[in-house]
Amino acid sequence: MGIGLGLVLLLVGLVLVFDVVDVGTQHVDEGPLGWILLVIGGLATVLALVMNRQRAATRHLETRVEERRDLQG
């Protein structure tokens, strides 16, 4: 979810920064809002990738217990 949200924020930020679509807001300047969304989207994507890497590393370090029984008589 984090990577997807970060990419969506990046995309919306780029659309606002480069004036691809005229939103027509009177009270909010689209340029700075686009840069803010661009930075937040980049941070969200990087943090999601770092957290996924840490999660994968801790899964590798989990302790597993194996029980064996001798069935000889």
PDB file of N, CA and C in Angstrom:
ATOM      1  N   MET A   1       0.813  -1.180   0.000  1.00  0.00           N
ATOM      2  CA  MET A   1       0.000   0.000   0.000  1.00  0.00           C
ATOM      3  C   MET A   1       0.868   1.261   0.000  1.00  0.00           C
ATOM      4  N   GLY A   2       1.976   1.244   0.711  1.00  0.00           N
ATOM      5  CA  GLY A   2       2.825   2.417   0.814  1.00  0.00           C
ATOM      6  C   GLY A   2       3.464   2.803  -0.498  1.00  0.00           C
ATOM      7  N   ILE A   3       3.911   1.815  -1.252  1.00  0.00           N
ATOM      8  CA  ILE A   3       4.548   2.108  -2.529  1.00  0.00           C
ATOM      9  C   ILE A   3       3.516   2.674  -3.503  1.00  0.00           C
ATOM     10  N   GLY A   4       2.338   2.090  -3.530  1.00  0.00           N
ATOM     11  CA  GLY A   4       1.286   2.568  -4.424  1.00  0.00           C
ATOM     12  C   GLY A   4       0.854   3.988  -4.094  1.00  0.00           C
ATOM     13  N   LEU A   5       0.682   4.263  -2.813  1.00  0.00           N
ATOM     14  CA  LEU A   5       0.297   5.615  -2.396  1.00  0.00           C
ATOM     15  C   LEU A   5       1.387   6.619  -2.752  1.00  0.00           C
ATOM     16  N   GLY A   6       2.642   6.240  -2.535  1.00  0.00           N
ATOM     17  CA  GLY A   6       3.751   7.128  -2.882  1.00  0.00           C
ATOM     18  C   GLY A   6       3.782   7.430  -4.370  1.00  0.00           C
ATOM     19  N   LEU A   7       3.549   6.411  -5.192  1.00  0.00           N
ATOM     20  CA  LEU A   7       3.560   6.630  -6.640  1.00  0.00           C
ATOM     21  C   LEU A   7       2.391   7.505  -7.093  1.00  0.00           C
ATOM     22  N   VAL A   8       1.232   7.338  -6.461  1.00  0.00           N
ATOM     23  CA  VAL A   8       0.082   8.185  -6.800  1.00  0.00           C
ATOM     24  C   VAL A   8       0.373   9.641  -6.432  1.00  0.00           C
ATOM     25  N   LEU A   9       0.945   9.858  -5.251  1.00  0.00           N
ATOM     26  CA  LEU A   9       1.288  11.228  -4.850  1.00  0.00           C
ATOM     27  C   LEU A   9       2.332  11.830  -5.784  1.00  0.00           C
ATOM     28  N   LEU A  10       3.310  11.028  -6.203  1.00  0.00           N
ATOM     29  CA  LEU A  10       4.298  11.510  -7.177  1.00  0.00           C
ATOM     30  C   LEU A  10       3.627  11.919  -8.484  1.00  0.00           C
ATOM     31  N   LEU A  11       2.720  11.100  -8.962  1.00  0.00           N
ATOM     32  CA  LEU A  11       2.040  11.380 -10.217  1.00  0.00           C
ATOM     33  C   LEU A  11       1.194  12.653 -10.123  1.00  0.00           C
ATOM     34  N   VAL A  12       0.428  12.784  -9.055  1.00  0.00           N
ATOM     35  CA  VAL A  12      -0.400  13.984  -8.882  1.00  0.00           C
ATOM     36  C   VAL A  12       0.490  15.218  -8.744  1.00  0.00           C
ATOM     37  N   GLY A  13       1.585  15.093  -8.011  1.00  0.00           N
ATOM     38  CA  GLY A  13       2.511  16.205  -7.867  1.00  0.00           C
ATOM     39  C   GLY A  13       3.107  16.635  -9.193  1.00  0.00           C
ATOM     40  N   LEU A  14       3.502  15.677 -10.015  1.00  0.00           N
ATOM     41  CA  LEU A  14       4.057  16.008 -11.331  1.00  0.00           C
ATOM     42  C   LEU A  14       3.020  16.675 -12.232  1.00  0.00           C
ATOM     43  N   VAL A  15       1.787  16.197 -12.161  1.00  0.00           N
ATOM     44  CA  VAL A  15       0.723  16.805 -12.967  1.00  0.00           C
ATOM     45  C   VAL A  15       0.524  18.262 -12.562  1.00  0.00           C
ATOM     46  N   LEU A  16       0.541  18.535 -11.257  1.00  0.00           N
ATOM     47  CA  LEU A  16       0.345  19.908 -10.798  1.00  0.00           C
ATOM     48  C   LEU A  16       1.559  20.793 -11.081  1.00  0.00           C
ATOM     49  N   VAL A  17       2.765  20.249 -10.938  1.00  0.00           N
ATOM     50  CA  VAL A  17       3.978  21.044 -11.163  1.00  0.00           C
ATOM     51  C   VAL A  17       4.093  21.457 -12.633  1.00  0.00           C
ATOM     52  N   PHE A  18       3.823  20.538 -13.544  1.00  0.00           N
ATOM     53  CA  PHE A  18       4.002  20.830 -14.965  1.00  0.00           C
ATOM     54  C   PHE A  18       2.735  21.364 -15.629  1.00  0.00           C
ATOM     55  N   ASP A  19       1.707  21.682 -14.862  1.00  0.00           N
ATOM     56  CA  ASP A  19       0.448  22.245 -15.374  1.00  0.00           C
ATOM     57  C   ASP A  19      -0.129  21.421 -16.520  1.00  0.00           C
ATOM     58  N   VAL A  20      -0.144  20.120 -16.351  1.00  0.00           N
ATOM     59  CA  VAL A  20      -0.712  19.239 -17.373  1.00  0.00           C
ATOM     60  C   VAL A  20      -2.224  19.441 -17.445  1.00  0.00           C
ATOM     61  N   VAL A  21      -2.845  19.603 -16.284  1.00  0.00           N
ATOM     62  CA  VAL A  21      -4.283  19.820 -16.206  1.00  0.00           C
ATOM     63  C   VAL A  21      -4.514  21.106 -15.429  1.00  0.00           C
ATOM     64  N   ASP A  22      -5.397  21.955 -15.934  1.00  0.00           N
ATOM     65  CA  ASP A  22      -5.736  23.182 -15.217  1.00  0.00           C
ATOM     66  C   ASP A  22      -6.863  22.869 -14.249  1.00  0.00           C
ATOM     67  N   VAL A  23      -6.521  22.852 -12.964  1.00  0.00           N
ATOM     68  CA  VAL A  23      -7.503  22.508 -11.945  1.00  0.00           C
ATOM     69  C   VAL A  23      -8.446  23.674 -11.688  1.00  0.00           C
ATOM     70  N   GLY A  24      -7.984  24.867 -11.817  1.00  0.00           N
ATOM     71  CA  GLY A  24      -8.813  26.049 -11.670  1.00  0.00           C
ATOM     72  C   GLY A  24      -9.088  26.432 -10.227  1.00  0.00           C
ATOM     73  N   THR A  25      -8.144  26.197  -9.353  1.00  0.00           N
ATOM     74  CA  THR A  25      -8.314  26.608  -7.965  1.00  0.00           C
ATOM     75  C   THR A  25      -7.919  28.070  -7.823  1.00  0.00           C
ATOM     76  N   GLN A  26      -8.715  28.824  -7.083  1.00  0.00           N
ATOM     77  CA  GLN A  26      -8.427  30.240  -6.907  1.00  0.00           C
ATOM     78  C   GLN A  26      -7.636  30.498  -5.629  1.00  0.00           C
ATOM     79  N   HIS A  27      -7.832  29.682  -4.621  1.00  0.00           N
ATOM     80  CA  HIS A  27      -7.243  29.937  -3.312  1.00  0.00           C
ATOM     81  C   HIS A  27      -5.922  29.202  -3.082  1.00  0.00           C
ATOM     82  N   VAL A  28      -5.629  28.224  -3.924  1.00  0.00           N
ATOM     83  CA  VAL A  28      -4.415  27.408  -3.738  1.00  0.00           C
ATOM     84  C   VAL A  28      -3.567  27.516  -4.997  1.00  0.00           C
ATOM     85  N   ASP A  29      -2.282  27.810  -4.809  1.00  0.00           N
ATOM     86  CA  ASP A  29      -1.361  27.854  -5.936  1.00  0.00           C
ATOM     87  C   ASP A  29      -0.941  26.424  -6.266  1.00  0.00           C
ATOM     88  N   GLU A  30      -1.125  26.035  -7.508  1.00  0.00           N
ATOM     89  CA  GLU A  30      -0.906  24.639  -7.901  1.00  0.00           C
ATOM     90  C   GLU A  30       0.570  24.247  -7.933  1.00  0.00           C
ATOM     91  N   GLY A  31       1.455  25.179  -8.232  1.00  0.00           N
ATOM     92  CA  GLY A  31       2.885  24.866  -8.308  1.00  0.00           C
ATOM     93  C   GLY A  31       3.468  24.389  -6.988  1.00  0.00           C
ATOM     94  N   PRO A  32       3.366  25.190  -5.930  1.00  0.00           N
ATOM     95  CA  PRO A  32       3.900  24.740  -4.639  1.00  0.00           C
ATOM     96  C   PRO A  32       3.205  23.496  -4.097  1.00  0.00           C
ATOM     97  N   LEU A  33       1.882  23.401  -4.318  1.00  0.00           N
ATOM     98  CA  LEU A  33       1.173  22.199  -3.883  1.00  0.00           C
ATOM     99  C   LEU A  33       1.713  20.969  -4.613  1.00  0.00           C
ATOM    100  N   GLY A  34       2.005  21.118  -5.895  1.00  0.00           N
ATOM    101  CA  GLY A  34       2.573  20.015  -6.661  1.00  0.00           C
ATOM    102  C   GLY A  34       3.936  19.601  -6.135  1.00  0.00           C
ATOM    103  N   TRP A  35       4.784  20.591  -5.793  1.00  0.00           N
ATOM    104  CA  TRP A  35       6.105  20.256  -5.247  1.00  0.00           C
ATOM    105  C   TRP A  35       5.988  19.561  -3.894  1.00  0.00           C
ATOM    106  N   ILE A  36       5.046  20.004  -3.075  1.00  0.00           N
ATOM    107  CA  ILE A  36       4.839  19.370  -1.770  1.00  0.00           C
ATOM    108  C   ILE A  36       4.414  17.920  -1.959  1.00  0.00           C
ATOM    109  N   LEU A  37       3.450  17.682  -2.850  1.00  0.00           N
ATOM    110  CA  LEU A  37       2.998  16.313  -3.106  1.00  0.00           C
ATOM    111  C   LEU A  37       4.110  15.461  -3.716  1.00  0.00           C
ATOM    112  N   LEU A  38       4.935  16.073  -4.537  1.00  0.00           N
ATOM    113  CA  LEU A  38       6.058  15.365  -5.157  1.00  0.00           C
ATOM    114  C   LEU A  38       7.056  14.899  -4.095  1.00  0.00           C
ATOM    115  N   VAL A  39       7.393  15.771  -3.172  1.00  0.00           N
ATOM    116  CA  VAL A  39       8.342  15.420  -2.107  1.00  0.00           C
ATOM    117  C   VAL A  39       7.744  14.360  -1.176  1.00  0.00           C
ATOM    118  N   ILE A  40       6.491  14.544  -0.786  1.00  0.00           N
ATOM    119  CA  ILE A  40       5.847  13.575   0.109  1.00  0.00           C
ATOM    120  C   ILE A  40       5.725  12.215  -0.578  1.00  0.00           C
ATOM    121  N   GLY A  41       5.390  12.207  -1.862  1.00  0.00           N
ATOM    122  CA  GLY A  41       5.301  10.946  -2.601  1.00  0.00           C
ATOM    123  C   GLY A  41       6.645  10.241  -2.696  1.00  0.00           C
ATOM    124  N   GLY A  42       7.711  11.015  -2.914  1.00  0.00           N
ATOM    125  CA  GLY A  42       9.049  10.413  -2.950  1.00  0.00           C
ATOM    126  C   GLY A  42       9.445   9.826  -1.610  1.00  0.00           C
ATOM    127  N   LEU A  43       9.169  10.567  -0.537  1.00  0.00           N
ATOM    128  CA  LEU A  43       9.473  10.054   0.807  1.00  0.00           C
ATOM    129  C   LEU A  43       8.661   8.812   1.128  1.00  0.00           C
ATOM    130  N   ALA A  44       7.401   8.820   0.773  1.00  0.00           N
ATOM    131  CA  ALA A  44       6.544   7.664   1.052  1.00  0.00           C
ATOM    132  C   ALA A  44       7.041   6.427   0.307  1.00  0.00           C
ATOM    133  N   THR A  45       7.464   6.606  -0.933  1.00  0.00           N
ATOM    134  CA  THR A  45       7.969   5.479  -1.715  1.00  0.00           C
ATOM    135  C   THR A  45       9.271   4.945  -1.130  1.00  0.00           C
ATOM    136  N   VAL A  46      10.191   5.830  -0.793  1.00  0.00           N
ATOM    137  CA  VAL A  46      11.474   5.405  -0.225  1.00  0.00           C
ATOM    138  C   VAL A  46      11.260   4.710   1.128  1.00  0.00           C
ATOM    139  N   LEU A  47      10.432   5.284   1.983  1.00  0.00           N
ATOM    140  CA  LEU A  47      10.170   4.666   3.285  1.00  0.00           C
ATOM    141  C   LEU A  47       9.508   3.302   3.139  1.00  0.00           C
ATOM    142  N   ALA A  48       8.596   3.155   2.197  1.00  0.00           N
ATOM    143  CA  ALA A  48       7.949   1.868   1.980  1.00  0.00           C
ATOM    144  C   ALA A  48       8.958   0.819   1.512  1.00  0.00           C
ATOM    145  N   LEU A  49       9.868   1.215   0.627  1.00  0.00           N
ATOM    146  CA  LEU A  49      10.891   0.276   0.156  1.00  0.00           C
ATOM    147  C   LEU A  49      11.839  -0.121   1.282  1.00  0.00           C
ATOM    148  N   VAL A  50      12.229   0.820   2.129  1.00  0.00           N
ATOM    149  CA  VAL A  50      13.112   0.523   3.258  1.00  0.00           C
ATOM    150  C   VAL A  50      12.418  -0.411   4.243  1.00  0.00           C
ATOM    151  N   MET A  51      11.154  -0.132   4.536  1.00  0.00           N
ATOM    152  CA  MET A  51      10.422  -0.983   5.482  1.00  0.00           C
ATOM    153  C   MET A  51      10.228  -2.389   4.931  1.00  0.00           C
ATOM    154  N   ASN A  52       9.975  -2.512   3.622  1.00  0.00           N
ATOM    155  CA  ASN A  52       9.839  -3.841   3.021  1.00  0.00           C
ATOM    156  C   ASN A  52      11.156  -4.600   3.082  1.00  0.00           C
ATOM    157  N   ARG A  53      12.255  -3.912   2.894  1.00  0.00           N
ATOM    158  CA  ARG A  53      13.563  -4.573   2.964  1.00  0.00           C
ATOM    159  C   ARG A  53      13.851  -5.051   4.383  1.00  0.00           C
ATOM    160  N   GLN A  54      13.531  -4.212   5.379  1.00  0.00           N
ATOM    161  CA  GLN A  54      13.738  -4.612   6.777  1.00  0.00           C
ATOM    162  C   GLN A  54      12.846  -5.796   7.140  1.00  0.00           C
ATOM    163  N   ARG A  55      11.611  -5.771   6.657  1.00  0.00           N
ATOM    164  CA  ARG A  55      10.689  -6.869   6.946  1.00  0.00           C
ATOM    165  C   ARG A  55      11.201  -8.179   6.334  1.00  0.00           C
ATOM    166  N   ALA A  56      11.742  -8.106   5.136  1.00  0.00           N
ATOM    167  CA  ALA A  56      12.285  -9.297   4.485  1.00  0.00           C
ATOM    168  C   ALA A  56      13.521  -9.793   5.229  1.00  0.00           C
ATOM    169  N   ALA A  57      14.327  -8.883   5.748  1.00  0.00           N
ATOM    170  CA  ALA A  57      15.532  -9.283   6.480  1.00  0.00           C
ATOM    171  C   ALA A  57      15.173  -9.944   7.801  1.00  0.00           C
ATOM    172  N   THR A  58      14.145  -9.456   8.480  1.00  0.00           N
ATOM    173  CA  THR A  58      13.758 -10.077   9.756  1.00  0.00           C
ATOM    174  C   THR A  58      13.093 -11.425   9.533  1.00  0.00           C
ATOM    175  N   ARG A  59      12.412 -11.605   8.402  1.00  0.00           N
ATOM    176  CA  ARG A  59      11.839 -12.915   8.099  1.00  0.00           C
ATOM    177  C   ARG A  59      12.946 -13.948   7.906  1.00  0.00           C
ATOM    178  N   HIS A  60      14.063 -13.512   7.358  1.00  0.00           N
ATOM    179  CA  HIS A  60      15.188 -14.411   7.127  1.00  0.00           C
ATOM    180  C   HIS A  60      15.832 -14.835   8.450  1.00  0.00           C
ATOM    181  N   LEU A  61      15.759 -14.011   9.477  1.00  0.00           N
ATOM    182  CA  LEU A  61      16.421 -14.285  10.745  1.00  0.00           C
ATOM    183  C   LEU A  61      15.537 -15.000  11.767  1.00  0.00           C
ATOM    184  N   GLU A  62      14.320 -15.352  11.396  1.00  0.00           N
ATOM    185  CA  GLU A  62      13.428 -16.009  12.343  1.00  0.00           C
ATOM    186  C   GLU A  62      13.999 -17.361  12.766  1.00  0.00           C
ATOM    187  N   THR A  63      13.804 -17.699  14.028  1.00  0.00           N
ATOM    188  CA  THR A  63      14.269 -18.971  14.555  1.00  0.00           C
ATOM    189  C   THR A  63      13.213 -20.038  14.278  1.00  0.00           C
ATOM    190  N   ARG A  64      13.652 -21.167  13.791  1.00  0.00           N
ATOM    191  CA  ARG A  64      12.731 -22.269  13.509  1.00  0.00           C
ATOM    192  C   ARG A  64      13.144 -23.474  14.342  1.00  0.00           C
ATOM    193  N   VAL A  65      12.173 -24.116  14.902  1.00  0.00           N
ATOM    194  CA  VAL A  65      12.415 -25.287  15.738  1.00  0.00           C
ATOM    195  C   VAL A  65      11.882 -26.503  14.999  1.00  0.00           C
ATOM    196  N   GLU A  66      12.724 -27.532  14.927  1.00  0.00           N
ATOM    197  CA  GLU A  66      12.316 -28.766  14.260  1.00  0.00           C
ATOM    198  C   GLU A  66      12.379 -29.899  15.277  1.00  0.00           C
ATOM    199  N   GLU A  67      11.309 -30.648  15.397  1.00  0.00           N
ATOM    200  CA  GLU A  67      11.258 -31.751  16.359  1.00  0.00           C
ATOM    201  C   GLU A  67      11.370 -33.064  15.600  1.00  0.00           C
ATOM    202  N   ARG A  68      12.288 -33.907  16.070  1.00  0.00           N
ATOM    203  CA  ARG A  68      12.469 -35.225  15.445  1.00  0.00           C
ATOM    204  C   ARG A  68      12.271 -36.287  16.513  1.00  0.00           C
ATOM    205  N   ARG A  69      11.590 -37.339  16.134  1.00  0.00           N
ATOM    206  CA  ARG A  69      11.362 -38.448  17.065  1.00  0.00           C
ATOM    207  C   ARG A  69      11.910 -39.727  16.459  1.00  0.00           C
ATOM    208  N   ASP A  70      12.545 -40.479  17.298  1.00  0.00           N
ATOM    209  CA  ASP A  70      13.075 -41.759  16.861  1.00  0.00           C
ATOM    210  C   ASP A  70      11.992 -42.813  17.013  1.00  0.00           C
ATOM    211  N   LEU A  71      11.609 -43.433  15.909  1.00  0.00           N
ATOM    212  CA  LEU A  71      10.502 -44.397  15.930  1.00  0.00           C
ATOM    213  C   LEU A  71      10.980 -45.825  16.136  1.00  0.00           C
ATOM    214  N   GLN A  72      12.242 -46.020  16.433  1.00  0.00           N
ATOM    215  CA  GLN A  72      12.757 -47.373  16.667  1.00  0.00           C
ATOM    216  C   GLN A  72      12.411 -47.791  18.086  1.00  0.00           C
ATOM    217  N   GLY A  73      11.879 -48.963  18.185  1.00  0.00           N
ATOM    218  CA  GLY A  73      11.481 -49.489  19.312  1.00  0.00           C
ATOM    219  C   GLY A  73      11.494 -49.752  20.624  1.00  0.00           C
TER     220      GLY A  73
END
